[in-house]
C-alpha atoms as a PDB file:
ATOM      1  CA  UNK A   1      29.659  23.928 -28.079  1.00  0.00           C
ATOM      2  CA  UNK A   2      26.182  23.304 -29.548  1.00  0.00           C
ATOM      3  CA  UNK A   3      27.645  20.725 -31.907  1.00  0.00           C
ATOM      4  CA  UNK A   4      29.467  19.031 -29.027  1.00  0.00           C
ATOM      5  CA  UNK A   5      26.287  18.941 -26.914  1.00  0.00           C
ATOM      6  CA  UNK A   6      24.419  17.134 -29.701  1.00  0.00           C
ATOM      7  CA  UNK A   7      27.338  14.789 -30.372  1.00  0.00           C
ATOM      8  CA  UNK A   8      27.571  13.720 -26.721  1.00  0.00           C
ATOM      9  CA  UNK A   9      23.814  13.279 -26.497  1.00  0.00           C
ATOM     10  CA  UNK A  10      24.023  10.967 -29.512  1.00  0.00           C
ATOM     11  CA  UNK A  11      26.819   8.979 -27.872  1.00  0.00           C
ATOM     12  CA  UNK A  12      25.004   8.580 -24.559  1.00  0.00           C
ATOM     13  CA  UNK A  13      21.741   7.512 -26.192  1.00  0.00           C
ATOM     14  CA  UNK A  14      23.554   4.912 -28.292  1.00  0.00           C
ATOM     15  CA  UNK A  15      25.453   3.670 -25.240  1.00  0.00           C
ATOM     16  CA  UNK A  16      22.186   3.187 -23.358  1.00  0.00           C
ATOM     17  CA  UNK A  17      20.455   1.479 -26.285  1.00  0.00           C
ATOM     18  CA  UNK A  18      23.343  -0.891 -27.008  1.00  0.00           C
ATOM     19  CA  UNK A  19      24.504  -1.382 -23.397  1.00  0.00           C
ATOM     20  CA  UNK A  20      27.975  -0.397 -24.578  1.00  0.00           C
ATOM     21  CA  UNK A  21      29.907   2.252 -22.611  1.00  0.00           C
ATOM     22  CA  UNK A  22      31.784   5.247 -23.970  1.00  0.00           C
ATOM     23  CA  UNK A  23      35.009   6.932 -22.891  1.00  0.00           C
ATOM     24  CA  UNK A  24      34.711   9.489 -20.069  1.00  0.00           C
ATOM     25  CA  UNK A  25      33.652  12.909 -21.301  1.00  0.00           C
ATOM     26  CA  UNK A  26      35.974  14.663 -18.884  1.00  0.00           C
ATOM     27  CA  UNK A  27      38.965  12.791 -20.297  1.00  0.00           C
ATOM     28  CA  UNK A  28      38.151  13.859 -23.850  1.00  0.00           C
ATOM     29  CA  UNK A  29      36.737  17.318 -23.203  1.00  0.00           C
ATOM     30  CA  UNK A  30      38.358  18.715 -20.032  1.00  0.00           C
ATOM     31  CA  UNK A  31      37.002  22.164 -20.878  1.00  0.00           C
ATOM     32  CA  UNK A  32      33.387  21.012 -20.316  1.00  0.00           C
ATOM     33  CA  UNK A  33      31.622  22.664 -17.398  1.00  0.00           C
ATOM     34  CA  UNK A  34      28.834  21.305 -15.209  1.00  0.00           C
ATOM     35  CA  UNK A  35      26.498  23.761 -16.953  1.00  0.00           C
ATOM     36  CA  UNK A  36      27.480  22.234 -20.302  1.00  0.00           C
ATOM     37  CA  UNK A  37      26.748  18.754 -18.975  1.00  0.00           C
ATOM     38  CA  UNK A  38      23.273  19.752 -17.804  1.00  0.00           C
ATOM     39  CA  UNK A  39      22.640  20.978 -21.352  1.00  0.00           C
ATOM     40  CA  UNK A  40      23.502  17.477 -22.581  1.00  0.00           C
ATOM     41  CA  UNK A  41      21.091  15.988 -20.051  1.00  0.00           C
ATOM     42  CA  UNK A  42      18.288  18.347 -21.060  1.00  0.00           C
ATOM     43  CA  UNK A  43      18.787  17.562 -24.743  1.00  0.00           C
ATOM     44  CA  UNK A  44      18.668  13.847 -23.863  1.00  0.00           C
ATOM     45  CA  UNK A  45      15.340  14.435 -22.085  1.00  0.00           C
ATOM     46  CA  UNK A  46      13.938  16.452 -25.003  1.00  0.00           C
ATOM     47  CA  UNK A  47      14.761  13.652 -27.420  1.00  0.00           C
ATOM     48  CA  UNK A  48      13.156  11.060 -25.151  1.00  0.00           C
ATOM     49  CA  UNK A  49       9.998  13.172 -24.978  1.00  0.00           C
ATOM     50  CA  UNK A  50       9.972  13.400 -28.777  1.00  0.00           C
ATOM     51  CA  UNK A  51      10.079   9.586 -28.801  1.00  0.00           C
ATOM     52  CA  UNK A  52       6.943   9.474 -26.632  1.00  0.00           C
ATOM     53  CA  UNK A  53       8.436   9.130 -23.167  1.00  0.00           C
ATOM     54  CA  UNK A  54       6.982  11.053 -20.206  1.00  0.00           C
ATOM     55  CA  UNK A  55       8.801  12.670 -17.282  1.00  0.00           C
ATOM     56  CA  UNK A  56       7.414  11.123 -14.068  1.00  0.00           C
ATOM     57  CA  UNK A  57       9.858  12.600 -11.583  1.00  0.00           C
ATOM     58  CA  UNK A  58      13.402  13.578 -10.709  1.00  0.00           C
ATOM     59  CA  UNK A  59      16.292  12.092  -8.792  1.00  0.00           C
ATOM     60  CA  UNK A  60      18.991  13.661  -6.673  1.00  0.00           C
ATOM     61  CA  UNK A  61      22.329  11.907  -6.668  1.00  0.00           C
ATOM     62  CA  UNK A  62      25.529  12.068  -4.659  1.00  0.00           C
ATOM     63  CA  UNK A  63      23.857  13.405  -1.510  1.00  0.00           C
ATOM     64  CA  UNK A  64      25.564  10.979   0.852  1.00  0.00           C
ATOM     65  CA  UNK A  65      29.226  11.346   1.794  1.00  0.00           C
ATOM     66  CA  UNK A  66      29.675   7.669   0.957  1.00  0.00           C
ATOM     67  CA  UNK A  67      28.616   8.201  -2.656  1.00  0.00           C
ATOM     68  CA  UNK A  68      30.559  11.456  -2.991  1.00  0.00           C
ATOM     69  CA  UNK A  69      33.682   9.720  -1.713  1.00  0.00           C
ATOM     70  CA  UNK A  70      33.148   6.749  -4.010  1.00  0.00           C
ATOM     71  CA  UNK A  71      32.902   8.954  -7.112  1.00  0.00           C
ATOM     72  CA  UNK A  72      35.315  11.670  -6.043  1.00  0.00           C
ATOM     73  CA  UNK A  73      32.862  14.601  -6.102  1.00  0.00           C
ATOM     74  CA  UNK A  74      31.789  17.133  -3.505  1.00  0.00           C
ATOM     75  CA  UNK A  75      28.294  18.252  -4.521  1.00  0.00           C
ATOM     76  CA  UNK A  76      24.981  16.589  -5.462  1.00  0.00           C
ATOM     77  CA  UNK A  77      23.644  16.203  -8.976  1.00  0.00           C
ATOM     78  CA  UNK A  78      20.234  15.443 -10.414  1.00  0.00           C
ATOM     79  CA  UNK A  79      18.555  13.592 -13.237  1.00  0.00           C
ATOM     80  CA  UNK A  80      15.129  12.970 -14.737  1.00  0.00           C
ATOM     81  CA  UNK A  81      12.942   9.906 -14.211  1.00  0.00           C
ATOM     82  CA  UNK A  82      10.979   8.783 -17.266  1.00  0.00           C
ATOM     83  CA  UNK A  83       7.976   6.483 -17.439  1.00  0.00           C
ATOM     84  CA  UNK A  84       9.920   3.451 -18.675  1.00  0.00           C
ATOM     85  CA  UNK A  85      12.247   3.661 -15.668  1.00  0.00           C
ATOM     86  CA  UNK A  86       9.574   3.125 -13.007  1.00  0.00           C
ATOM     87  CA  UNK A  87       9.375  -0.501 -11.853  1.00  0.00           C
ATOM     88  CA  UNK A  88       7.175  -2.065  -9.153  1.00  0.00           C
ATOM     89  CA  UNK A  89       8.721  -3.885  -6.214  1.00  0.00           C
ATOM     90  CA  UNK A  90       9.277  -7.588  -6.802  1.00  0.00           C
ATOM     91  CA  UNK A  91       9.961  -7.220 -10.523  1.00  0.00           C
ATOM     92  CA  UNK A  92      12.719  -9.099 -12.341  1.00  0.00           C
ATOM     93  CA  UNK A  93      15.079  -7.204 -14.639  1.00  0.00           C
ATOM     94  CA  UNK A  94      17.373  -8.641 -17.302  1.00  0.00           C
ATOM     95  CA  UNK A  95      21.060  -8.093 -16.599  1.00  0.00           C
ATOM     96  CA  UNK A  96      21.584  -7.763 -20.356  1.00  0.00           C
ATOM     97  CA  UNK A  97      19.755  -4.428 -20.361  1.00  0.00           C
ATOM     98  CA  UNK A  98      22.543  -2.808 -18.345  1.00  0.00           C
ATOM     99  CA  UNK A  99      26.261  -2.141 -18.630  1.00  0.00           C
ATOM    100  CA  UNK A 100      27.586  -2.331 -15.062  1.00  0.00           C
ATOM    101  CA  UNK A 101      24.600  -1.821 -12.748  1.00  0.00           C
ATOM    102  CA  UNK A 102      24.568  -0.934  -9.084  1.00  0.00           C
ATOM    103  CA  UNK A 103      21.650  -0.614  -6.652  1.00  0.00           C
ATOM    104  CA  UNK A 104      21.083   1.905  -3.876  1.00  0.00           C
ATOM    105  CA  UNK A 105      18.275   2.373  -1.356  1.00  0.00           C
ATOM    106  CA  UNK A 106      16.334   5.629  -1.057  1.00  0.00           C
ATOM    107  CA  UNK A 107      13.229   7.099   0.555  1.00  0.00           C
ATOM    108  CA  UNK A 108      11.074   8.386  -2.281  1.00  0.00           C
ATOM    109  CA  UNK A 109       8.640  11.316  -2.056  1.00  0.00           C
ATOM    110  CA  UNK A 110       5.389  11.608  -4.009  1.00  0.00           C
ATOM    111  CA  UNK A 111       4.342  15.236  -4.356  1.00  0.00           C
ATOM    112  CA  UNK A 112       0.812  16.648  -4.094  1.00  0.00           C
ATOM    113  CA  UNK A 113       1.830  20.214  -4.998  1.00  0.00           C
ATOM    114  CA  UNK A 114       4.325  21.854  -7.347  1.00  0.00           C
ATOM    115  CA  UNK A 115       7.634  23.069  -5.929  1.00  0.00           C
ATOM    116  CA  UNK A 116       9.331  25.874  -7.843  1.00  0.00           C
ATOM    117  CA  UNK A 117      12.495  27.534  -6.594  1.00  0.00           C
ATOM    118  CA  UNK A 118      14.349  29.537  -5.669  1.00  0.00           C
ATOM    119  CA  UNK A 119      13.991  29.773  -1.874  1.00  0.00           C
ATOM    120  CA  UNK A 120      12.252  26.409  -1.374  1.00  0.00           C
ATOM    121  CA  UNK A 121      12.821  25.164   2.185  1.00  0.00           C
ATOM    122  CA  UNK A 122      12.762  21.848   4.021  1.00  0.00           C
ATOM    123  CA  UNK A 123       9.324  22.770   5.409  1.00  0.00           C
ATOM    124  CA  UNK A 124       7.976  23.630   1.946  1.00  0.00           C
ATOM    125  CA  UNK A 125       8.961  20.161   0.758  1.00  0.00           C
ATOM    126  CA  UNK A 126       7.206  18.367   3.614  1.00  0.00           C
ATOM    127  CA  UNK A 127       4.057  20.489   3.143  1.00  0.00           C
ATOM    128  CA  UNK A 128       4.008  19.590  -0.564  1.00  0.00           C
ATOM    129  CA  UNK A 129       4.453  15.839   0.000  1.00  0.00           C
ATOM    130  CA  UNK A 130       1.578  13.392  -0.300  1.00  0.00           C
ATOM    131  CA  UNK A 131       3.399  10.165   0.573  1.00  0.00           C
ATOM    132  CA  UNK A 132       6.757   8.564   1.260  1.00  0.00           C
ATOM    133  CA  UNK A 133       7.680   5.396  -0.603  1.00  0.00           C
ATOM    134  CA  UNK A 134      10.413   2.780  -0.083  1.00  0.00           C
ATOM    135  CA  UNK A 135      12.584   2.769  -3.190  1.00  0.00           C
ATOM    136  CA  UNK A 136      15.600   1.291  -4.885  1.00  0.00           C
ATOM    137  CA  UNK A 137      17.406   3.046  -7.681  1.00  0.00           C
ATOM    138  CA  UNK A 138      19.236   0.984 -10.260  1.00  0.00           C
ATOM    139  CA  UNK A 139      22.103   3.144 -11.462  1.00  0.00           C
ATOM    140  CA  UNK A 140      24.182   2.296 -14.504  1.00  0.00           C
ATOM    141  CA  UNK A 141      26.846   4.562 -15.906  1.00  0.00           C
ATOM    142  CA  UNK A 142      27.067   4.793 -19.654  1.00  0.00           C
ATOM    143  CA  UNK A 143      30.666   5.888 -19.018  1.00  0.00           C
ATOM    144  CA  UNK A 144      33.266   3.129 -19.195  1.00  0.00           C
ATOM    145  CA  UNK A 145      34.103   1.424 -15.871  1.00  0.00           C
ATOM    146  CA  UNK A 146      32.332   4.121 -13.824  1.00  0.00           C
ATOM    147  CA  UNK A 147      35.320   6.426 -14.385  1.00  0.00           C
ATOM    148  CA  UNK A 148      33.192   9.477 -13.798  1.00  0.00           C
ATOM    149  CA  UNK A 149      33.442  12.973 -12.444  1.00  0.00           C
ATOM    150  CA  UNK A 150      30.522  15.296 -11.832  1.00  0.00           C
ATOM    151  CA  UNK A 151      30.394  16.445 -15.476  1.00  0.00           C
ATOM    152  CA  UNK A 152      30.188  12.826 -16.676  1.00  0.00           C
ATOM    153  CA  UNK A 153      27.348  11.721 -14.426  1.00  0.00           C
ATOM    154  CA  UNK A 154      25.337  14.907 -14.936  1.00  0.00           C
ATOM    155  CA  UNK A 155      25.453  14.521 -18.712  1.00  0.00           C
ATOM    156  CA  UNK A 156      24.505  10.863 -18.238  1.00  0.00           C
ATOM    157  CA  UNK A 157      21.242  11.797 -16.468  1.00  0.00           C
ATOM    158  CA  UNK A 158      22.692  11.191 -13.031  1.00  0.00           C
ATOM    159  CA  UNK A 159      23.659   7.629 -14.037  1.00  0.00           C
ATOM    160  CA  UNK A 160      20.012   6.702 -13.535  1.00  0.00           C
ATOM    161  CA  UNK A 161      18.523   3.552 -15.052  1.00  0.00           C
ATOM    162  CA  UNK A 162      15.475   2.343 -13.074  1.00  0.00           C
ATOM    163  CA  UNK A 163      13.423   3.420 -10.054  1.00  0.00           C
ATOM    164  CA  UNK A 164      11.932   0.514  -8.114  1.00  0.00           C
ATOM    165  CA  UNK A 165       9.072   1.569  -5.845  1.00  0.00           C
ATOM    166  CA  UNK A 166       7.166  -0.099  -3.030  1.00  0.00           C
ATOM    167  CA  UNK A 167       3.850   0.796  -1.408  1.00  0.00           C
ATOM    168  CA  UNK A 168       3.212   4.491  -0.611  1.00  0.00           C
ATOM    169  CA  UNK A 169       3.023   5.472   3.070  1.00  0.00           C
ATOM    170  CA  UNK A 170       0.624   8.340   3.721  1.00  0.00           C
ATOM    171  CA  UNK A 171       0.835   8.885   7.498  1.00  0.00           C
ATOM    172  CA  UNK A 172       3.726  11.307   7.246  1.00  0.00           C
ATOM    173  CA  UNK A 173       3.550  12.438  10.865  1.00  0.00           C
ATOM    174  CA  UNK A 174       4.150   8.855  12.038  1.00  0.00           C
ATOM    175  CA  UNK A 175       7.694   8.730  10.646  1.00  0.00           C
ATOM    176  CA  UNK A 176      10.903  10.636  11.385  1.00  0.00           C
ATOM    177  CA  UNK A 177      12.891  10.236   8.180  1.00  0.00           C
ATOM    178  CA  UNK A 178      16.028  11.715   9.695  1.00  0.00           C
ATOM    179  CA  UNK A 179      16.455   8.789  12.111  1.00  0.00           C
ATOM    180  CA  UNK A 180      14.766   6.085  10.016  1.00  0.00           C
ATOM    181  CA  UNK A 181      17.093   3.131   9.577  1.00  0.00           C
ATOM    182  CA  UNK A 182      17.658   1.316   6.303  1.00  0.00           C
ATOM    183  CA  UNK A 183      18.999  -2.205   5.871  1.00  0.00           C
ATOM    184  CA  UNK A 184      20.116  -3.263   2.396  1.00  0.00           C
ATOM    185  CA  UNK A 185      20.333  -7.005   1.732  1.00  0.00           C
ATOM    186  CA  UNK A 186      21.752  -8.823  -1.293  1.00  0.00           C
ATOM    187  CA  UNK A 187      20.874 -12.501  -1.596  1.00  0.00           C
ATOM    188  CA  UNK A 188      19.717 -12.441   2.039  1.00  0.00           C
ATOM    189  CA  UNK A 189      23.072 -11.193   3.282  1.00  0.00           C
ATOM    190  CA  UNK A 190      23.677  -7.760   4.790  1.00  0.00           C
ATOM    191  CA  UNK A 191      25.278  -5.391   2.267  1.00  0.00           C
ATOM    192  CA  UNK A 192      24.803  -1.938   3.797  1.00  0.00           C
ATOM    193  CA  UNK A 193      22.981   0.076   6.416  1.00  0.00           C
ATOM    194  CA  UNK A 194      22.048   3.720   6.566  1.00  0.00           C
ATOM    195  CA  UNK A 195      19.607   6.314   7.832  1.00  0.00           C
ATOM    196  CA  UNK A 196      17.586   9.146   6.372  1.00  0.00           C
ATOM    197  CA  UNK A 197      20.104  11.671   7.653  1.00  0.00           C
ATOM    198  CA  UNK A 198      22.583  10.386   5.026  1.00  0.00           C
ATOM    199  CA  UNK A 199      20.766  12.446   2.369  1.00  0.00           C
ATOM    200  CA  UNK A 200      21.969  15.975   3.233  1.00  0.00           C
ATOM    201  CA  UNK A 201      20.848  15.539   6.855  1.00  0.00           C
ATOM    202  CA  UNK A 202      17.246  14.756   5.847  1.00  0.00           C
ATOM    203  CA  UNK A 203      15.788  13.688   2.482  1.00  0.00           C
ATOM    204  CA  UNK A 204      13.590  16.811   2.416  1.00  0.00           C
ATOM    205  CA  UNK A 205      16.723  18.983   2.414  1.00  0.00           C
ATOM    206  CA  UNK A 206      17.897  17.158  -0.718  1.00  0.00           C
ATOM    207  CA  UNK A 207      14.584  17.830  -2.447  1.00  0.00           C
ATOM    208  CA  UNK A 208      14.694  21.498  -1.463  1.00  0.00           C
ATOM    209  CA  UNK A 209      18.196  21.662  -2.993  1.00  0.00           C
ATOM    210  CA  UNK A 210      16.804  20.094  -6.158  1.00  0.00           C
ATOM    211  CA  UNK A 211      13.863  22.487  -6.459  1.00  0.00           C
ATOM    212  CA  UNK A 212      16.195  25.452  -6.080  1.00  0.00           C
ATOM    213  CA  UNK A 213      18.766  24.033  -8.517  1.00  0.00           C
ATOM    214  CA  UNK A 214      16.073  23.416 -11.141  1.00  0.00           C
ATOM    215  CA  UNK A 215      15.086  27.081 -10.940  1.00  0.00           C
ATOM    216  CA  UNK A 216      18.385  27.885 -12.691  1.00  0.00           C
ATOM    217  CA  UNK A 217      16.936  26.149 -15.770  1.00  0.00           C
ATOM    218  CA  UNK A 218      13.355  27.409 -15.301  1.00  0.00           C
ATOM    219  CA  UNK A 219      12.238  23.915 -14.297  1.00  0.00           C
ATOM    220  CA  UNK A 220      10.216  22.828 -11.293  1.00  0.00           C
ATOM    221  CA  UNK A 221       8.999  19.768  -9.422  1.00  0.00           C
ATOM    222  CA  UNK A 222       5.408  18.883 -10.282  1.00  0.00           C
ATOM    223  CA  UNK A 223       2.471  17.508  -8.307  1.00  0.00           C
ATOM    224  CA  UNK A 224       2.262  13.757  -8.776  1.00  0.00           C
ATOM    225  CA  UNK A 225       5.962  13.355  -9.469  1.00  0.00           C
ATOM    226  CA  UNK A 226       8.168  10.773  -7.770  1.00  0.00           C
ATOM    227  CA  UNK A 227      11.288  12.370  -6.316  1.00  0.00           C
ATOM    228  CA  UNK A 228      14.251  10.266  -5.222  1.00  0.00           C
ATOM    229  CA  UNK A 229      16.348  12.339  -2.783  1.00  0.00           C
ATOM    230  CA  UNK A 230      19.557  10.316  -2.787  1.00  0.00           C
ATOM    231  CA  UNK A 231      21.103   7.112  -1.515  1.00  0.00           C
ATOM    232  CA  UNK A 232      21.331   6.275   2.180  1.00  0.00           C
ATOM    233  CA  UNK A 233      24.522   4.252   1.697  1.00  0.00           C
ATOM    234  CA  UNK A 234      27.061   3.447  -0.983  1.00  0.00           C
ATOM    235  CA  UNK A 235      25.631   1.623  -4.010  1.00  0.00           C
ATOM    236  CA  UNK A 236      26.209  -2.133  -4.296  1.00  0.00           C
ATOM    237  CA  UNK A 237      27.180  -4.061  -7.432  1.00  0.00           C
ATOM    238  CA  UNK A 238      24.629  -6.494  -8.869  1.00  0.00           C
ATOM    239  CA  UNK A 239      24.695  -9.235 -11.474  1.00  0.00           C
ATOM    240  CA  UNK A 240      22.433 -11.908 -12.935  1.00  0.00           C
ATOM    241  CA  UNK A 241      20.979 -14.090 -10.185  1.00  0.00           C
ATOM    242  CA  UNK A 242      21.078 -11.391  -7.517  1.00  0.00           C
ATOM    243  CA  UNK A 243      18.111 -10.292  -5.418  1.00  0.00           C
ATOM    244  CA  UNK A 244      18.254  -7.009  -3.519  1.00  0.00           C
ATOM    245  CA  UNK A 245      15.867  -5.943  -0.753  1.00  0.00           C
ATOM    246  CA  UNK A 246      15.838  -2.782   1.332  1.00  0.00           C
ATOM    247  CA  UNK A 247      14.002  -2.624   4.662  1.00  0.00           C
ATOM    248  CA  UNK A 248      12.895   0.742   6.070  1.00  0.00           C
ATOM    249  CA  UNK A 249      11.077  -0.135   9.311  1.00  0.00           C
ATOM    250  CA  UNK A 250       7.556   1.341   9.376  1.00  0.00           C
ATOM    251  CA  UNK A 251       7.928   2.525   5.805  1.00  0.00           C
ATOM    252  CA  UNK A 252       8.096  -1.051   4.559  1.00  0.00           C
ATOM    253  CA  UNK A 253      10.405  -2.767   2.081  1.00  0.00           C
ATOM    254  CA  UNK A 254      11.177  -2.914  -1.626  1.00  0.00           C
ATOM    255  CA  UNK A 255      12.982  -5.534  -3.718  1.00  0.00           C
ATOM    256  CA  UNK A 256      14.294  -6.269  -7.199  1.00  0.00           C
ATOM    257  CA  UNK A 257      15.868  -9.320  -8.856  1.00  0.00           C
ATOM    258  CA  UNK A 258      18.117  -9.759 -11.876  1.00  0.00           C
ATOM    259  CA  UNK A 259      18.070 -12.597 -14.383  1.00  0.00           C
ATOM    260  CA  UNK A 260      20.327 -13.339 -17.362  1.00  0.00           C
END
């Protein structure tokens, strides 16, 4: 299995670098477990760190029923956010850097304290949070045609590609994330709506799940990290020429555009 882990890490890194997808892992290696796929992800991260990248946060995926239904899975996953993935709102990305990108809207958390599971609760997460931030995640599967199961997306770092962040909001007691509405627009037309409750009932529940899941691998969430707790609606397809903006009421808005 060690040889297979390294082989699949090689394949996924080459797919990302060349923007050329690979065949689904689950189709070729049906014996692979979710634990095996997290080992691929962790080796991917280790190699990125050796290349000089820095972990700046984590992301939870597949927390909304819409996303679970779309990808045919029934539990969340997670991935790592690296420094080159973080993009400021209003930026323009080249479509050529991606294979088949999609965009989803999320409410990001910036931590002021470490969170190490197990037994992290919703309240622990809120107490450890410095700010909320409007965010978009650009996801892009390195698996051909998004034909993924949980093992595929976990190995592929949660299908993460970029994290687009807006201005931090520090008055946490002024916002109820559970009922906060989100409006996702593409080219000034309504594409999706959602609310904070889409992420496991409340985004803080998703982050508590993540902190406790990471404990299985002796990992934790760190002060200063950006944590994306999951999409508030199904992801939307994007292409060159598209502009996507998410509005979150008091929390503000965040946008990204794509060129050729």
